[in-house]
Amino acid sequence: EMISALAAIGLKRLLIEGGSRTLSSFIDHHCLDHLHLIMAPMLIGGGYQGLQLAAIKTLDSALRPAVTLYHLGHDLLFDCVLKKPQPI
């Protein structure tokens, strides 16, 4: 509903910055076009789980985004394209 309301007033792009629950919800509802994941070579132990997506029945139904990898010093940025861009 929020995305539809913003589109109705002319907004075509949104930056959604959130934790695992927020991002997981947008992915599960197919409302996310790009996902940027940064992986740092650190082992920190406990903490929040990453994405928490709905279970799938077969690997054929898994999301397989196109990915571009960027090196950020020792960190890695995965630019994951979840949807094809729509013409404006």
PDB file of N, CA and C in Angstrom:
ATOM      1  N   GLU A   1       0.815  -1.188   0.000  1.00  0.00           N
ATOM      2  CA  GLU A   1       0.000   0.000   0.000  1.00  0.00           C
ATOM      3  C   GLU A   1       0.859   1.252   0.000  1.00  0.00           C
ATOM      4  N   MET A   2       1.936   1.227   0.795  1.00  0.00           N
ATOM      5  CA  MET A   2       2.807   2.378   0.892  1.00  0.00           C
ATOM      6  C   MET A   2       3.457   2.674  -0.462  1.00  0.00           C
ATOM      7  N   ILE A   3       3.930   1.651  -1.144  1.00  0.00           N
ATOM      8  CA  ILE A   3       4.578   1.845  -2.441  1.00  0.00           C
ATOM      9  C   ILE A   3       3.574   2.386  -3.449  1.00  0.00           C
ATOM     10  N   SER A   4       2.358   1.868  -3.465  1.00  0.00           N
ATOM     11  CA  SER A   4       1.312   2.352  -4.376  1.00  0.00           C
ATOM     12  C   SER A   4       0.988   3.816  -4.102  1.00  0.00           C
ATOM     13  N   ALA A   5       0.894   4.184  -2.835  1.00  0.00           N
ATOM     14  CA  ALA A   5       0.579   5.569  -2.470  1.00  0.00           C
ATOM     15  C   ALA A   5       1.686   6.516  -2.925  1.00  0.00           C
ATOM     16  N   LEU A   6       2.933   6.113  -2.751  1.00  0.00           N
ATOM     17  CA  LEU A   6       4.052   6.955  -3.183  1.00  0.00           C
ATOM     18  C   LEU A   6       4.124   7.044  -4.705  1.00  0.00           C
ATOM     19  N   ALA A   7       3.826   5.953  -5.388  1.00  0.00           N
ATOM     20  CA  ALA A   7       3.801   5.969  -6.854  1.00  0.00           C
ATOM     21  C   ALA A   7       2.703   6.899  -7.361  1.00  0.00           C
ATOM     22  N   ALA A   8       1.586   6.936  -6.657  1.00  0.00           N
ATOM     23  CA  ALA A   8       0.463   7.782  -7.063  1.00  0.00           C
ATOM     24  C   ALA A   8       0.813   9.268  -7.023  1.00  0.00           C
ATOM     25  N   ILE A   9       1.775   9.667  -6.191  1.00  0.00           N
ATOM     26  CA  ILE A   9       2.189  11.069  -6.148  1.00  0.00           C
ATOM     27  C   ILE A   9       3.448  11.321  -6.969  1.00  0.00           C
ATOM     28  N   GLY A  10       3.844  10.314  -7.766  1.00  0.00           N
ATOM     29  CA  GLY A  10       4.925  10.516  -8.724  1.00  0.00           C
ATOM     30  C   GLY A  10       6.293   9.985  -8.340  1.00  0.00           C
ATOM     31  N   LEU A  11       6.420   9.372  -7.176  1.00  0.00           N
ATOM     32  CA  LEU A  11       7.731   8.824  -6.799  1.00  0.00           C
ATOM     33  C   LEU A  11       7.941   7.493  -7.514  1.00  0.00           C
ATOM     34  N   LYS A  12       9.081   7.367  -8.185  1.00  0.00           N
ATOM     35  CA  LYS A  12       9.357   6.156  -8.957  1.00  0.00           C
ATOM     36  C   LYS A  12      10.471   5.319  -8.358  1.00  0.00           C
ATOM     37  N   ARG A  13      11.254   5.893  -7.461  1.00  0.00           N
ATOM     38  CA  ARG A  13      12.360   5.157  -6.849  1.00  0.00           C
ATOM     39  C   ARG A  13      12.362   5.398  -5.345  1.00  0.00           C
ATOM     40  N   LEU A  14      12.631   4.340  -4.606  1.00  0.00           N
ATOM     41  CA  LEU A  14      12.709   4.414  -3.150  1.00  0.00           C
ATOM     42  C   LEU A  14      13.987   3.743  -2.684  1.00  0.00           C
ATOM     43  N   LEU A  15      14.591   4.274  -1.649  1.00  0.00           N
ATOM     44  CA  LEU A  15      15.692   3.605  -0.976  1.00  0.00           C
ATOM     45  C   LEU A  15      15.121   3.076   0.326  1.00  0.00           C
ATOM     46  N   ILE A  16      15.178   1.778   0.493  1.00  0.00           N
ATOM     47  CA  ILE A  16      14.682   1.156   1.713  1.00  0.00           C
ATOM     48  C   ILE A  16      15.889   0.657   2.475  1.00  0.00           C
ATOM     49  N   GLU A  17      16.137   1.281   3.594  1.00  0.00           N
ATOM     50  CA  GLU A  17      17.267   0.886   4.422  1.00  0.00           C
ATOM     51  C   GLU A  17      16.686   0.306   5.694  1.00  0.00           C
ATOM     52  N   GLY A  18      16.968  -0.949   5.920  1.00  0.00           N
ATOM     53  CA  GLY A  18      16.379  -1.568   7.097  1.00  0.00           C
ATOM     54  C   GLY A  18      17.123  -2.810   7.508  1.00  0.00           C
ATOM     55  N   GLY A  19      16.612  -3.395   8.537  1.00  0.00           N
ATOM     56  CA  GLY A  19      17.192  -4.629   9.045  1.00  0.00           C
ATOM     57  C   GLY A  19      16.615  -5.839   8.350  1.00  0.00           C
ATOM     58  N   SER A  20      16.900  -6.985   8.920  1.00  0.00           N
ATOM     59  CA  SER A  20      16.523  -8.246   8.273  1.00  0.00           C
ATOM     60  C   SER A  20      15.019  -8.388   8.102  1.00  0.00           C
ATOM     61  N   ARG A  21      14.228  -7.969   9.075  1.00  0.00           N
ATOM     62  CA  ARG A  21      12.771  -8.115   8.955  1.00  0.00           C
ATOM     63  C   ARG A  21      12.201  -7.226   7.854  1.00  0.00           C
ATOM     64  N   THR A  22      12.638  -5.981   7.809  1.00  0.00           N
ATOM     65  CA  THR A  22      12.134  -5.053   6.794  1.00  0.00           C
ATOM     66  C   THR A  22      12.500  -5.533   5.396  1.00  0.00           C
ATOM     67  N   LEU A  23      13.775  -5.835   5.181  1.00  0.00           N
ATOM     68  CA  LEU A  23      14.211  -6.278   3.850  1.00  0.00           C
ATOM     69  C   LEU A  23      13.580  -7.608   3.463  1.00  0.00           C
ATOM     70  N   SER A  24      13.481  -8.536   4.401  1.00  0.00           N
ATOM     71  CA  SER A  24      12.865  -9.833   4.111  1.00  0.00           C
ATOM     72  C   SER A  24      11.416  -9.662   3.672  1.00  0.00           C
ATOM     73  N   SER A  25      10.694  -8.771   4.318  1.00  0.00           N
ATOM     74  CA  SER A  25       9.299  -8.541   3.963  1.00  0.00           C
ATOM     75  C   SER A  25       9.178  -7.982   2.542  1.00  0.00           C
ATOM     76  N   PHE A  26      10.019  -7.024   2.190  1.00  0.00           N
ATOM     77  CA  PHE A  26       9.977  -6.463   0.844  1.00  0.00           C
ATOM     78  C   PHE A  26      10.333  -7.521  -0.205  1.00  0.00           C
ATOM     79  N   ILE A  27      11.300  -8.381   0.089  1.00  0.00           N
ATOM     80  CA  ILE A  27      11.675  -9.444  -0.855  1.00  0.00           C
ATOM     81  C   ILE A  27      10.532 -10.449  -0.983  1.00  0.00           C
ATOM     82  N   ASP A  28       9.976 -10.890   0.129  1.00  0.00           N
ATOM     83  CA  ASP A  28       8.874 -11.869   0.093  1.00  0.00           C
ATOM     84  C   ASP A  28       7.657 -11.350  -0.669  1.00  0.00           C
ATOM     85  N   HIS A  29       7.447 -10.042  -0.645  1.00  0.00           N
ATOM     86  CA  HIS A  29       6.306  -9.450  -1.350  1.00  0.00           C
ATOM     87  C   HIS A  29       6.673  -8.983  -2.762  1.00  0.00           C
ATOM     88  N   HIS A  30       7.866  -9.349  -3.226  1.00  0.00           N
ATOM     89  CA  HIS A  30       8.335  -9.009  -4.581  1.00  0.00           C
ATOM     90  C   HIS A  30       8.282  -7.508  -4.834  1.00  0.00           C
ATOM     91  N   CYS A  31       8.689  -6.726  -3.843  1.00  0.00           N
ATOM     92  CA  CYS A  31       8.660  -5.267  -3.947  1.00  0.00           C
ATOM     93  C   CYS A  31      10.061  -4.659  -3.970  1.00  0.00           C
ATOM     94  N   LEU A  32      11.065  -5.471  -4.193  1.00  0.00           N
ATOM     95  CA  LEU A  32      12.433  -4.977  -4.181  1.00  0.00           C
ATOM     96  C   LEU A  32      13.077  -5.281  -5.518  1.00  0.00           C
ATOM     97  N   ASP A  33      13.649  -4.253  -6.155  1.00  0.00           N
ATOM     98  CA  ASP A  33      14.295  -4.425  -7.453  1.00  0.00           C
ATOM     99  C   ASP A  33      15.785  -4.740  -7.315  1.00  0.00           C
ATOM    100  N   HIS A  34      16.443  -4.071  -6.379  1.00  0.00           N
ATOM    101  CA  HIS A  34      17.882  -4.265  -6.148  1.00  0.00           C
ATOM    102  C   HIS A  34      18.107  -4.517  -4.666  1.00  0.00           C
ATOM    103  N   LEU A  35      19.071  -5.339  -4.377  1.00  0.00           N
ATOM    104  CA  LEU A  35      19.479  -5.580  -2.997  1.00  0.00           C
ATOM    105  C   LEU A  35      20.987  -5.455  -2.946  1.00  0.00           C
ATOM    106  N   HIS A  36      21.487  -4.582  -2.090  1.00  0.00           N
ATOM    107  CA  HIS A  36      22.930  -4.435  -1.911  1.00  0.00           C
ATOM    108  C   HIS A  36      23.320  -5.125  -0.610  1.00  0.00           C
ATOM    109  N   LEU A  37      24.152  -6.136  -0.719  1.00  0.00           N
ATOM    110  CA  LEU A  37      24.659  -6.854   0.452  1.00  0.00           C
ATOM    111  C   LEU A  37      26.145  -6.595   0.568  1.00  0.00           C
ATOM    112  N   ILE A  38      26.590  -6.249   1.755  1.00  0.00           N
ATOM    113  CA  ILE A  38      28.019  -6.054   1.989  1.00  0.00           C
ATOM    114  C   ILE A  38      28.487  -7.155   2.931  1.00  0.00           C
ATOM    115  N   MET A  39      29.563  -7.814   2.536  1.00  0.00           N
ATOM    116  CA  MET A  39      30.139  -8.865   3.356  1.00  0.00           C
ATOM    117  C   MET A  39      31.538  -8.421   3.776  1.00  0.00           C
ATOM    118  N   ALA A  40      31.756  -8.408   5.078  1.00  0.00           N
ATOM    119  CA  ALA A  40      33.046  -8.025   5.633  1.00  0.00           C
ATOM    120  C   ALA A  40      33.700  -9.259   6.238  1.00  0.00           C
ATOM    121  N   PRO A  41      35.005  -9.390   6.093  1.00  0.00           N
ATOM    122  CA  PRO A  41      35.688 -10.561   6.656  1.00  0.00           C
ATOM    123  C   PRO A  41      35.873 -10.421   8.170  1.00  0.00           C
ATOM    124  N   MET A  42      34.748 -10.564   8.897  1.00  0.00           N
ATOM    125  CA  MET A  42      34.765 -10.473  10.357  1.00  0.00           C
ATOM    126  C   MET A  42      33.903 -11.577  10.924  1.00  0.00           C
ATOM    127  N   LEU A  43      34.360 -12.215  11.953  1.00  0.00           N
ATOM    128  CA  LEU A  43      33.574 -13.220  12.668  1.00  0.00           C
ATOM    129  C   LEU A  43      33.218 -12.619  14.019  1.00  0.00           C
ATOM    130  N   ILE A  44      31.925 -12.285  14.199  1.00  0.00           N
ATOM    131  CA  ILE A  44      31.545 -11.566  15.410  1.00  0.00           C
ATOM    132  C   ILE A  44      30.637 -12.372  16.328  1.00  0.00           C
ATOM    133  N   GLY A  45      30.321 -13.595  15.959  1.00  0.00           N
ATOM    134  CA  GLY A  45      29.496 -14.423  16.841  1.00  0.00           C
ATOM    135  C   GLY A  45      28.027 -14.098  16.738  1.00  0.00           C
ATOM    136  N   GLY A  46      27.326 -14.133  17.861  1.00  0.00           N
ATOM    137  CA  GLY A  46      25.875 -13.949  17.905  1.00  0.00           C
ATOM    138  C   GLY A  46      25.405 -12.663  17.274  1.00  0.00           C
ATOM    139  N   GLY A  47      24.123 -12.545  17.175  1.00  0.00           N
ATOM    140  CA  GLY A  47      23.531 -11.354  16.579  1.00  0.00           C
ATOM    141  C   GLY A  47      22.304 -11.754  15.793  1.00  0.00           C
ATOM    142  N   TYR A  48      21.754 -10.815  15.088  1.00  0.00           N
ATOM    143  CA  TYR A  48      20.558 -11.066  14.308  1.00  0.00           C
ATOM    144  C   TYR A  48      20.878 -11.907  13.084  1.00  0.00           C
ATOM    145  N   GLN A  49      19.926 -12.749  12.728  1.00  0.00           N
ATOM    146  CA  GLN A  49      20.041 -13.523  11.502  1.00  0.00           C
ATOM    147  C   GLN A  49      19.882 -12.557  10.341  1.00  0.00           C
ATOM    148  N   GLY A  50      20.477 -12.903   9.202  1.00  0.00           N
ATOM    149  CA  GLY A  50      20.335 -12.077   8.012  1.00  0.00           C
ATOM    150  C   GLY A  50      18.912 -12.117   7.497  1.00  0.00           C
ATOM    151  N   LEU A  51      18.735 -12.347   6.238  1.00  0.00           N
ATOM    152  CA  LEU A  51      17.404 -12.389   5.650  1.00  0.00           C
ATOM    153  C   LEU A  51      16.626 -13.592   6.165  1.00  0.00           C
ATOM    154  N   GLN A  52      15.338 -13.392   6.389  1.00  0.00           N
ATOM    155  CA  GLN A  52      14.450 -14.452   6.867  1.00  0.00           C
ATOM    156  C   GLN A  52      13.304 -14.556   5.879  1.00  0.00           C
ATOM    157  N   LEU A  53      13.513 -15.308   4.804  1.00  0.00           N
ATOM    158  CA  LEU A  53      12.535 -15.400   3.720  1.00  0.00           C
ATOM    159  C   LEU A  53      11.623 -16.596   3.908  1.00  0.00           C
ATOM    160  N   ALA A  54      10.477 -16.537   3.244  1.00  0.00           N
ATOM    161  CA  ALA A  54       9.553 -17.666   3.270  1.00  0.00           C
ATOM    162  C   ALA A  54      10.237 -18.891   2.674  1.00  0.00           C
ATOM    163  N   ALA A  55       9.934 -20.059   3.219  1.00  0.00           N
ATOM    164  CA  ALA A  55      10.530 -21.303   2.727  1.00  0.00           C
ATOM    165  C   ALA A  55      10.064 -21.589   1.301  1.00  0.00           C
ATOM    166  N   ILE A  56      10.923 -22.240   0.532  1.00  0.00           N
ATOM    167  CA  ILE A  56      10.559 -22.657  -0.820  1.00  0.00           C
ATOM    168  C   ILE A  56      10.475 -24.175  -0.843  1.00  0.00           C
ATOM    169  N   LYS A  57       9.735 -24.705  -1.814  1.00  0.00           N
ATOM    170  CA  LYS A  57       9.566 -26.160  -1.902  1.00  0.00           C
ATOM    171  C   LYS A  57      10.666 -26.814  -2.723  1.00  0.00           C
ATOM    172  N   THR A  58      11.122 -26.136  -3.776  1.00  0.00           N
ATOM    173  CA  THR A  58      12.173 -26.692  -4.630  1.00  0.00           C
ATOM    174  C   THR A  58      13.178 -25.602  -4.975  1.00  0.00           C
ATOM    175  N   LEU A  59      14.379 -26.004  -5.345  1.00  0.00           N
ATOM    176  CA  LEU A  59      15.396 -25.032  -5.736  1.00  0.00           C
ATOM    177  C   LEU A  59      15.012 -24.268  -6.999  1.00  0.00           C
ATOM    178  N   ASP A  60      14.140 -24.844  -7.823  1.00  0.00           N
ATOM    179  CA  ASP A  60      13.679 -24.141  -9.025  1.00  0.00           C
ATOM    180  C   ASP A  60      12.939 -22.855  -8.690  1.00  0.00           C
ATOM    181  N   SER A  61      12.364 -22.761  -7.502  1.00  0.00           N
ATOM    182  CA  SER A  61      11.628 -21.552  -7.125  1.00  0.00           C
ATOM    183  C   SER A  61      12.492 -20.560  -6.335  1.00  0.00           C
ATOM    184  N   ALA A  62      13.777 -20.854  -6.187  1.00  0.00           N
ATOM    185  CA  ALA A  62      14.676 -19.954  -5.468  1.00  0.00           C
ATOM    186  C   ALA A  62      14.934 -18.692  -6.299  1.00  0.00           C
ATOM    187  N   LEU A  63      15.108 -17.574  -5.595  1.00  0.00           N
ATOM    188  CA  LEU A  63      15.519 -16.351  -6.278  1.00  0.00           C
ATOM    189  C   LEU A  63      16.962 -16.518  -6.736  1.00  0.00           C
ATOM    190  N   ARG A  64      17.227 -16.195  -7.980  1.00  0.00           N
ATOM    191  CA  ARG A  64      18.590 -16.266  -8.518  1.00  0.00           C
ATOM    192  C   ARG A  64      18.903 -14.937  -9.197  1.00  0.00           C
ATOM    193  N   PRO A  65      19.194 -13.911  -8.385  1.00  0.00           N
ATOM    194  CA  PRO A  65      19.402 -12.592  -8.963  1.00  0.00           C
ATOM    195  C   PRO A  65      20.700 -12.504  -9.767  1.00  0.00           C
ATOM    196  N   ALA A  66      20.680 -11.625 -10.753  1.00  0.00           N
ATOM    197  CA  ALA A  66      21.924 -11.270 -11.431  1.00  0.00           C
ATOM    198  C   ALA A  66      22.740 -10.469 -10.422  1.00  0.00           C
ATOM    199  N   VAL A  67      24.035 -10.751 -10.346  1.00  0.00           N
ATOM    200  CA  VAL A  67      24.871 -10.125  -9.319  1.00  0.00           C
ATOM    201  C   VAL A  67      26.099  -9.493  -9.947  1.00  0.00           C
ATOM    202  N   THR A  68      26.391  -8.267  -9.510  1.00  0.00           N
ATOM    203  CA  THR A  68      27.656  -7.618  -9.836  1.00  0.00           C
ATOM    204  C   THR A  68      28.406  -7.472  -8.526  1.00  0.00           C
ATOM    205  N   LEU A  69      29.668  -7.845  -8.528  1.00  0.00           N
ATOM    206  CA  LEU A  69      30.488  -7.827  -7.319  1.00  0.00           C
ATOM    207  C   LEU A  69      31.450  -6.642  -7.359  1.00  0.00           C
ATOM    208  N   TYR A  70      31.487  -5.899  -6.268  1.00  0.00           N
ATOM    209  CA  TYR A  70      32.403  -4.758  -6.146  1.00  0.00           C
ATOM    210  C   TYR A  70      33.284  -4.972  -4.926  1.00  0.00           C
ATOM    211  N   HIS A  71      34.565  -4.673  -5.075  1.00  0.00           N
ATOM    212  CA  HIS A  71      35.504  -4.751  -3.955  1.00  0.00           C
ATOM    213  C   HIS A  71      35.561  -3.381  -3.277  1.00  0.00           C
ATOM    214  N   LEU A  72      35.331  -3.366  -1.973  1.00  0.00           N
ATOM    215  CA  LEU A  72      35.392  -2.140  -1.172  1.00  0.00           C
ATOM    216  C   LEU A  72      36.482  -2.328  -0.122  1.00  0.00           C
ATOM    217  N   GLY A  73      37.703  -2.183  -0.541  1.00  0.00           N
ATOM    218  CA  GLY A  73      38.802  -2.497   0.369  1.00  0.00           C
ATOM    219  C   GLY A  73      38.783  -3.987   0.645  1.00  0.00           C
ATOM    220  N   HIS A  74      38.666  -4.367   1.919  1.00  0.00           N
ATOM    221  CA  HIS A  74      38.588  -5.785   2.288  1.00  0.00           C
ATOM    222  C   HIS A  74      37.159  -6.323   2.233  1.00  0.00           C
ATOM    223  N   ASP A  75      36.182  -5.422   2.104  1.00  0.00           N
ATOM    224  CA  ASP A  75      34.774  -5.830   2.062  1.00  0.00           C
ATOM    225  C   ASP A  75      34.336  -6.095   0.624  1.00  0.00           C
ATOM    226  N   LEU A  76      33.234  -6.825   0.486  1.00  0.00           N
ATOM    227  CA  LEU A  76      32.648  -7.100  -0.829  1.00  0.00           C
ATOM    228  C   LEU A  76      31.214  -6.591  -0.851  1.00  0.00           C
ATOM    229  N   LEU A  77      30.839  -5.921  -1.929  1.00  0.00           N
ATOM    230  CA  LEU A  77      29.466  -5.470  -2.128  1.00  0.00           C
ATOM    231  C   LEU A  77      28.868  -6.297  -3.245  1.00  0.00           C
ATOM    232  N   PHE A  78      27.754  -6.958  -2.947  1.00  0.00           N
ATOM    233  CA  PHE A  78      27.006  -7.724  -3.936  1.00  0.00           C
ATOM    234  C   PHE A  78      25.815  -6.878  -4.357  1.00  0.00           C
ATOM    235  N   ASP A  79      25.784  -6.426  -5.605  1.00  0.00           N
ATOM    236  CA  ASP A  79      24.647  -5.697  -6.158  1.00  0.00           C
ATOM    237  C   ASP A  79      23.760  -6.734  -6.830  1.00  0.00           C
ATOM    238  N   CYS A  80      22.658  -7.091  -6.176  1.00  0.00           N
ATOM    239  CA  CYS A  80      21.762  -8.145  -6.652  1.00  0.00           C
ATOM    240  C   CYS A  80      20.548  -7.517  -7.331  1.00  0.00           C
ATOM    241  N   VAL A  81      20.323  -7.869  -8.594  1.00  0.00           N
ATOM    242  CA  VAL A  81      19.165  -7.356  -9.332  1.00  0.00           C
ATOM    243  C   VAL A  81      18.055  -8.390  -9.226  1.00  0.00           C
ATOM    244  N   LEU A  82      16.975  -8.017  -8.521  1.00  0.00           N
ATOM    245  CA  LEU A  82      15.876  -8.940  -8.281  1.00  0.00           C
ATOM    246  C   LEU A  82      14.777  -8.835  -9.311  1.00  0.00           C
ATOM    247  N   LYS A  83      14.673  -7.696  -9.990  1.00  0.00           N
ATOM    248  CA  LYS A  83      13.649  -7.497 -11.024  1.00  0.00           C
ATOM    249  C   LYS A  83      14.263  -6.799 -12.213  1.00  0.00           C
ATOM    250  N   LYS A  84      13.711  -7.042 -13.371  1.00  0.00           N
ATOM    251  CA  LYS A  84      14.110  -6.309 -14.561  1.00  0.00           C
ATOM    252  C   LYS A  84      13.588  -4.889 -14.443  1.00  0.00           C
ATOM    253  N   PRO A  85      14.391  -3.896 -14.865  1.00  0.00           N
ATOM    254  CA  PRO A  85      13.905  -2.517 -14.799  1.00  0.00           C
ATOM    255  C   PRO A  85      12.672  -2.328 -15.691  1.00  0.00           C
ATOM    256  N   GLN A  86      11.726  -1.546 -15.186  1.00  0.00           N
ATOM    257  CA  GLN A  86      10.518  -1.230 -15.947  1.00  0.00           C
ATOM    258  C   GLN A  86      10.753   0.073 -16.707  1.00  0.00           C
ATOM    259  N   PRO A  87      10.244   0.154 -17.934  1.00  0.00           N
ATOM    260  CA  PRO A  87      10.400   1.427 -18.676  1.00  0.00           C
ATOM    261  C   PRO A  87       9.664   2.561 -17.968  1.00  0.00           C
ATOM    262  N   ILE A  88      10.267   3.743 -18.024  1.00  0.00           N
ATOM    263  CA  ILE A  88       9.661   4.922 -17.363  1.00  0.00           C
ATOM    264  C   ILE A  88       8.769   5.635 -18.359  1.00  0.00           C
TER     265      ILE A  88
END
